[in-house]
């Protein structure tokens, strides 16, 4: 089951993260309130985790059982080639020698398990490391839990989500948190077990969707939920990064998926759907592309203005990501699936 309109939302989340990482040179940081929203746009990663759990159920719900080998092969084919490209591009930007052990940790996809080492090399790769963990456990969850213990998974998923939110917000307000550049920050922000609630909640949303899907015009409901997201980011001082926004992301994903109104027709347009298709490439290469482009503009054109660089960076990033999608991601995915 393909949900075309939800694909475009991946692009919006990816671009929000790109702007967040670019920082104050992006034009949106000059607009009051809008800048406050993009200063917290790293919650786009949380959206990715929840959406990943949702899509996994939607993609496999018609199967009685998932074949482990086929599943892992397909996931590697989908994710790994560009994951490696992101690393190679990043290494290209480093003039100094890079240690061998971080490269091994990155290639093995285990960096998120080690506070202090999480953001090694192409640092957006930390979230792919977490996704690898989700993919590792999903076939077991689907084959032995979701198909047999329906009420149990709802209770367990919600309890895990609540426990994670209580723990994370307590941790951030306690003396255990030592600041942004500490191991405690790496633990609370990136450790896979603190993100498992997002994937599980996404799974539950997917189960609800496939059992209760009724296509109607939900345009106004979608806009209302989106408004709540904006207002919460502006005025609610809580820690959002470990799944708290699921209270809004889950209804947003479900409503968009069931919607047949104007917003769905617009988001299903082929150009917008294509932007969603290349969103993974945008996300995984946006840091090395920024480093390479910025160095090029500095050295050859003496362009140092952050706003000017940003206006060049975004279209260049989209074009390069489209190239990677067409000539690396898709061919590698098709080839690996045939093995």
Protein backbone atom coordinates (compact mmCIF):
# COMPACT_ATOMS: atom_id res chain seq x y z
CA UNK A 1 0.00 0.00 0.00
CA UNK A 2 1.56 3.26 -1.14
CA UNK A 3 0.47 6.51 0.49
CA UNK A 4 1.72 9.14 -1.95
CA UNK A 5 0.71 12.16 0.11
CA UNK A 6 2.72 11.11 3.15
CA UNK A 7 5.91 10.92 1.07
CA UNK A 8 6.11 14.70 0.68
CA UNK A 9 6.08 15.17 4.46
CA UNK A 10 9.46 13.43 4.58
CA UNK A 11 10.87 16.23 2.44
CA UNK A 12 9.44 18.88 4.78
CA UNK A 13 11.00 17.16 7.80
CA UNK A 14 14.34 16.76 6.01
CA UNK A 15 14.49 20.41 4.95
CA UNK A 16 13.56 21.53 8.47
CA UNK A 17 16.55 19.55 9.79
CA UNK A 18 18.80 21.02 7.07
CA UNK A 19 17.79 24.55 8.14
CA UNK A 20 18.29 23.64 11.80
CA UNK A 21 21.84 22.45 11.11
CA UNK A 22 22.64 25.42 8.89
CA UNK A 23 21.77 27.72 11.75
CA UNK A 24 21.38 31.46 11.94
CA UNK A 25 22.56 32.15 8.40
CA UNK A 26 19.27 30.77 7.07
CA UNK A 27 16.79 33.53 6.27
CA UNK A 28 14.06 32.07 8.52
CA UNK A 29 16.19 32.90 11.57
CA UNK A 30 15.59 36.57 10.84
CA UNK A 31 11.82 36.19 11.32
CA UNK A 32 10.50 36.37 14.89
CA UNK A 33 8.69 33.23 16.09
CA UNK A 34 9.58 31.35 12.89
CA UNK A 35 13.19 31.34 14.06
CA UNK A 36 12.09 29.82 17.40
CA UNK A 37 10.37 26.97 15.57
CA UNK A 38 13.38 26.16 13.38
CA UNK A 39 15.65 26.33 16.41
CA UNK A 40 13.80 23.15 17.51
CA UNK A 41 13.48 21.62 14.04
CA UNK A 42 15.63 18.66 15.01
CA UNK A 43 12.33 17.10 16.10
CA UNK A 44 12.11 16.23 12.42
CA UNK A 45 14.21 13.18 13.34
CA UNK A 46 11.50 12.15 15.81
CA UNK A 47 8.98 12.47 12.98
CA UNK A 48 11.16 10.19 10.83
CA UNK A 49 11.30 7.54 13.57
CA UNK A 50 7.53 7.56 14.09
CA UNK A 51 6.84 7.58 10.36
CA UNK A 52 9.28 4.69 9.90
CA UNK A 53 7.32 2.60 12.39
CA UNK A 54 4.07 3.54 10.67
CA UNK A 55 5.33 2.72 7.16
CA UNK A 56 6.75 -0.63 8.27
CA UNK A 57 3.29 -1.81 9.33
CA UNK A 58 1.59 -0.38 6.24
CA UNK A 59 4.15 -2.05 3.96
CA UNK A 60 3.98 -5.50 5.58
CA UNK A 61 0.48 -5.72 7.07
CA UNK A 62 -0.78 -8.10 4.36
CA UNK A 63 1.97 -10.65 5.04
CA UNK A 64 1.35 -13.48 7.46
CA UNK A 65 5.05 -13.58 8.36
CA UNK A 66 8.14 -11.59 7.45
CA UNK A 67 11.10 -13.48 6.05
CA UNK A 68 14.12 -12.27 8.00
CA UNK A 69 16.63 -12.51 5.16
CA UNK A 70 14.39 -10.75 2.65
CA UNK A 71 13.56 -8.01 5.11
CA UNK A 72 17.16 -7.28 6.10
CA UNK A 73 18.34 -7.43 2.49
CA UNK A 74 15.64 -4.96 1.41
CA UNK A 75 16.40 -2.58 4.27
CA UNK A 76 20.14 -2.66 3.56
CA UNK A 77 19.43 -2.08 -0.13
CA UNK A 78 17.25 0.90 0.74
CA UNK A 79 19.44 2.59 3.34
CA UNK A 80 23.06 1.52 3.16
CA UNK A 81 24.40 2.74 -0.23
CA UNK A 82 23.68 6.42 0.47
CA UNK A 83 24.73 5.94 4.08
CA UNK A 84 28.19 5.03 2.74
CA UNK A 85 28.11 7.85 0.17
CA UNK A 86 27.48 10.30 3.01
CA UNK A 87 30.60 8.97 4.74
CA UNK A 88 32.75 9.16 1.60
CA UNK A 89 31.68 12.74 0.92
CA UNK A 90 32.41 13.67 4.50
CA UNK A 91 35.88 12.10 4.35
CA UNK A 92 36.50 14.12 1.20
CA UNK A 93 36.00 17.31 3.24
CA UNK A 94 38.56 16.31 5.86
CA UNK A 95 42.14 17.26 5.05
CA UNK A 96 43.55 15.68 8.20
CA UNK A 97 43.90 11.94 8.65
CA UNK A 98 40.79 10.25 10.03
CA UNK A 99 41.16 7.44 12.57
CA UNK A 100 40.20 3.96 11.44
CA UNK A 101 37.99 3.01 14.41
CA UNK A 102 35.35 5.75 13.87
CA UNK A 103 35.02 4.63 10.24
CA UNK A 104 34.41 1.05 11.37
CA UNK A 105 31.84 2.18 13.95
CA UNK A 106 30.04 4.28 11.34
CA UNK A 107 30.03 1.52 8.73
CA UNK A 108 28.76 -0.96 11.32
CA UNK A 109 26.01 1.49 12.27
CA UNK A 110 26.68 1.25 16.00
CA UNK A 111 27.82 4.80 16.84
CA UNK A 112 24.54 5.77 18.53
CA UNK A 113 25.18 3.18 21.25
CA UNK A 114 28.32 4.95 22.51
CA UNK A 115 27.86 8.37 24.17
CA UNK A 116 30.81 10.53 23.25
CA UNK A 117 31.18 8.82 19.87
CA UNK A 118 27.67 9.34 18.51
CA UNK A 119 28.39 12.23 16.15
CA UNK A 120 31.50 10.80 14.54
CA UNK A 121 32.13 11.61 10.88
CA UNK A 122 28.92 12.33 8.93
CA UNK A 123 26.95 13.07 12.08
CA UNK A 124 23.36 12.80 10.71
CA UNK A 125 24.23 9.11 10.40
CA UNK A 126 23.48 8.70 14.13
CA UNK A 127 19.76 8.45 13.32
CA UNK A 128 20.44 5.76 10.70
CA UNK A 129 22.30 3.86 13.41
CA UNK A 130 19.10 4.02 15.48
CA UNK A 131 17.05 2.94 12.45
CA UNK A 132 19.30 -0.12 12.05
CA UNK A 133 18.25 -1.14 15.55
CA UNK A 134 14.58 -0.69 14.66
CA UNK A 135 15.01 -2.81 11.55
CA UNK A 136 16.80 -5.49 13.54
CA UNK A 137 13.88 -6.03 15.91
CA UNK A 138 10.91 -5.35 13.62
CA UNK A 139 10.57 -8.82 12.00
CA UNK A 140 10.45 -10.41 15.47
CA UNK A 141 7.86 -7.89 16.69
CA UNK A 142 5.73 -8.45 13.60
CA UNK A 143 5.96 -12.25 13.52
CA UNK A 144 5.54 -13.00 17.23
CA UNK A 145 3.97 -10.00 18.95
CA UNK A 146 1.81 -7.90 16.65
CA UNK A 147 0.00 -10.83 15.05
CA UNK A 148 -0.95 -12.48 18.35
CA UNK A 149 -1.13 -10.09 21.29
CA UNK A 150 -3.17 -7.13 20.09
CA UNK A 151 -4.21 -5.59 23.43
CA UNK A 152 -0.82 -6.30 24.99
CA UNK A 153 1.09 -4.28 22.39
CA UNK A 154 -1.14 -1.23 22.85
CA UNK A 155 -0.68 -1.22 26.61
CA UNK A 156 3.06 -1.93 26.37
CA UNK A 157 3.70 0.65 23.64
CA UNK A 158 1.90 3.42 25.51
CA UNK A 159 3.57 2.53 28.83
CA UNK A 160 7.03 2.61 27.19
CA UNK A 161 6.22 5.98 25.61
CA UNK A 162 5.03 7.49 28.93
CA UNK A 163 8.00 6.08 30.85
CA UNK A 164 10.43 7.50 28.29
CA UNK A 165 8.90 10.99 28.44
CA UNK A 166 8.95 11.05 32.25
CA UNK A 167 12.55 9.81 32.39
CA UNK A 168 13.87 12.16 29.69
CA UNK A 169 12.24 15.31 31.05
CA UNK A 170 13.34 14.43 34.61
CA UNK A 171 16.88 13.75 33.35
CA UNK A 172 17.07 17.12 31.56
CA UNK A 173 15.98 19.01 34.71
CA UNK A 174 18.17 17.05 37.10
CA UNK A 175 21.86 17.36 37.84
CA UNK A 176 22.50 14.34 35.62
CA UNK A 177 22.44 16.49 32.50
CA UNK A 178 25.84 18.13 31.98
CA UNK A 179 25.23 20.29 28.92
CA UNK A 180 25.01 20.07 25.16
CA UNK A 181 28.54 18.83 24.48
CA UNK A 182 28.65 16.15 27.16
CA UNK A 183 28.21 12.39 27.17
CA UNK A 184 24.98 12.89 29.11
CA UNK A 185 23.64 14.89 26.16
CA UNK A 186 24.65 12.14 23.74
CA UNK A 187 22.88 9.61 25.95
CA UNK A 188 19.60 11.48 26.38
CA UNK A 189 19.45 12.66 22.76
CA UNK A 190 20.77 9.77 20.71
CA UNK A 191 20.73 6.47 22.64
CA UNK A 192 18.60 3.96 20.66
CA UNK A 193 16.62 2.59 23.60
CA UNK A 194 15.32 6.08 24.34
CA UNK A 195 13.96 6.27 20.79
CA UNK A 196 12.36 2.83 20.64
CA UNK A 197 9.12 4.38 21.96
CA UNK A 198 8.83 6.43 18.76
CA UNK A 199 9.14 3.41 16.50
CA UNK A 200 6.67 1.39 18.61
CA UNK A 201 4.15 4.24 18.66
CA UNK A 202 4.56 4.47 14.88
CA UNK A 203 3.83 0.75 14.66
CA UNK A 204 0.66 1.20 16.71
CA UNK A 205 -0.40 4.08 14.46
CA UNK A 206 0.14 1.82 11.46
CA UNK A 207 -1.94 -0.97 13.00
CA UNK A 208 -4.74 1.50 13.74
CA UNK A 209 -4.57 2.86 10.18
CA UNK A 210 -4.77 -0.48 8.37
CA UNK A 211 -7.68 -1.61 10.58
CA UNK A 212 -9.66 1.64 10.53
CA UNK A 213 -8.76 3.44 7.32
CA UNK A 214 -11.69 5.57 6.13
CA UNK A 215 -10.85 8.12 3.46
CA UNK A 216 -12.49 11.48 4.10
CA UNK A 217 -11.69 15.15 3.82
CA UNK A 218 -9.52 15.87 6.87
CA UNK A 219 -7.94 19.11 5.59
CA UNK A 220 -9.08 21.24 8.52
CA UNK A 221 -8.13 18.58 11.07
CA UNK A 222 -4.63 18.38 9.56
CA UNK A 223 -4.21 22.15 9.71
CA UNK A 224 -5.45 22.15 13.31
CA UNK A 225 -2.94 19.50 14.40
CA UNK A 226 -0.15 21.30 12.56
CA UNK A 227 -1.10 24.51 14.41
CA UNK A 228 -0.85 22.65 17.72
CA UNK A 229 2.65 21.50 16.78
CA UNK A 230 3.72 25.08 16.08
CA UNK A 231 2.18 26.42 19.28
CA UNK A 232 3.73 23.69 21.42
CA UNK A 233 7.19 24.42 20.03
CA UNK A 234 6.73 28.11 20.77
CA UNK A 235 5.21 28.00 24.23
CA UNK A 236 5.66 24.59 25.93
CA UNK A 237 9.10 24.27 27.60
CA UNK A 238 9.55 20.49 27.54
CA UNK A 239 12.10 18.12 26.01
CA UNK A 240 10.70 17.01 22.64
CA UNK A 241 13.52 15.01 21.15
CA UNK A 242 12.69 11.51 22.45
CA UNK A 243 9.12 11.13 21.23
CA UNK A 244 7.04 13.64 23.17
CA UNK A 245 5.73 15.09 19.88
CA UNK A 246 4.12 11.74 19.08
CA UNK A 247 0.95 13.17 20.62
CA UNK A 248 0.78 15.39 17.52
CA UNK A 249 2.84 13.48 14.96
CA UNK A 250 0.72 10.32 15.19
CA UNK A 251 -2.63 12.02 14.47
CA UNK A 252 -0.94 14.13 11.79
CA UNK A 253 0.42 11.04 10.00
CA UNK A 254 -2.86 9.12 10.30
CA UNK A 255 -5.00 12.06 9.18
CA UNK A 256 -2.79 12.81 6.19
CA UNK A 257 -2.83 9.12 5.23
CA UNK A 258 -6.66 8.94 5.39
CA UNK A 259 -7.28 12.35 3.85
CA UNK A 260 -8.79 12.72 0.38
CA UNK A 261 -9.13 16.50 0.45
CA UNK A 262 -7.24 19.31 -1.25
CA UNK A 263 -4.06 18.83 0.81
CA UNK A 264 -3.78 15.22 -0.34
CA UNK A 265 -4.29 16.17 -3.98
CA UNK A 266 -1.61 18.83 -3.64
CA UNK A 267 0.93 16.66 -1.78
CA UNK A 268 0.36 13.81 -4.26
CA UNK A 269 1.56 15.93 -7.18
CA UNK A 270 4.45 14.13 -8.84
CA UNK A 271 7.05 16.88 -8.30
CA UNK A 272 6.23 17.06 -4.58
CA UNK A 273 6.15 13.28 -4.26
CA UNK A 274 9.56 13.15 -5.94
CA UNK A 275 10.96 15.60 -3.39
CA UNK A 276 9.78 13.16 -0.73
CA UNK A 277 11.49 10.30 -2.55
CA UNK A 278 14.84 12.09 -2.49
CA UNK A 279 14.45 13.21 1.14
CA UNK A 280 16.72 10.46 2.47
CA UNK A 281 19.47 11.60 0.13
CA UNK A 282 18.89 15.20 1.24
CA UNK A 283 19.17 14.19 4.87
CA UNK A 284 22.21 11.93 4.71
CA UNK A 285 24.42 14.11 2.47
CA UNK A 286 23.41 17.61 3.53
CA UNK A 287 26.34 18.15 5.91
CA UNK A 288 29.19 17.11 3.55
CA UNK A 289 27.51 18.93 0.64
CA UNK A 290 27.40 22.08 2.80
CA UNK A 291 31.09 21.72 3.73
CA UNK A 292 32.15 21.19 0.12
CA UNK A 293 29.98 23.98 -1.32
CA UNK A 294 30.94 26.46 1.38
CA UNK A 295 34.64 25.79 0.89
CA UNK A 296 34.21 26.18 -2.89
CA UNK A 297 32.38 29.51 -2.55
CA UNK A 298 34.93 30.79 -0.04
CA UNK A 299 38.01 29.81 -2.02
CA UNK A 300 36.96 30.61 -5.59
CA UNK A 301 34.32 33.35 -5.34
CA UNK A 302 35.12 34.97 -1.98
CA UNK A 303 31.47 34.59 -0.96
CA UNK A 304 31.20 34.63 2.83
CA UNK A 305 27.68 35.95 3.44
CA UNK A 306 25.70 33.14 5.13
CA UNK A 307 22.39 34.20 3.60
CA UNK A 308 23.82 34.16 0.07
CA UNK A 309 25.46 30.79 0.67
CA UNK A 310 22.18 29.41 2.00
CA UNK A 311 20.26 30.59 -1.08
CA UNK A 312 22.76 28.69 -3.24
CA UNK A 313 23.02 25.70 -0.92
CA UNK A 314 19.37 24.60 -0.88
CA UNK A 315 18.86 24.25 -4.67
CA UNK A 316 22.32 22.69 -5.07
CA UNK A 317 21.53 20.20 -2.30
CA UNK A 318 18.21 19.24 -3.93
CA UNK A 319 19.85 18.77 -7.35
CA UNK A 320 22.70 16.67 -5.95
CA UNK A 321 20.26 14.61 -3.87
CA UNK A 322 18.15 13.97 -6.96
CA UNK A 323 21.28 12.79 -8.76
CA UNK A 324 22.21 10.44 -5.91
CA UNK A 325 18.66 9.11 -5.77
CA UNK A 326 18.48 8.42 -9.51
CA UNK A 327 21.97 7.04 -10.08
CA UNK A 328 23.00 5.50 -6.77
CA UNK A 329 20.08 4.86 -4.42
CA UNK A 330 17.63 3.38 -6.94
CA UNK A 331 20.10 1.27 -8.97
CA UNK A 332 21.83 -0.09 -5.84
CA UNK A 333 18.47 -0.84 -4.24
CA UNK A 334 17.22 -2.70 -7.32
CA UNK A 335 20.49 -4.62 -7.67
CA UNK A 336 20.77 -5.65 -4.02
CA UNK A 337 17.15 -6.81 -3.95
CA UNK A 338 17.92 -9.28 -6.73
CA UNK A 339 20.76 -10.94 -4.80
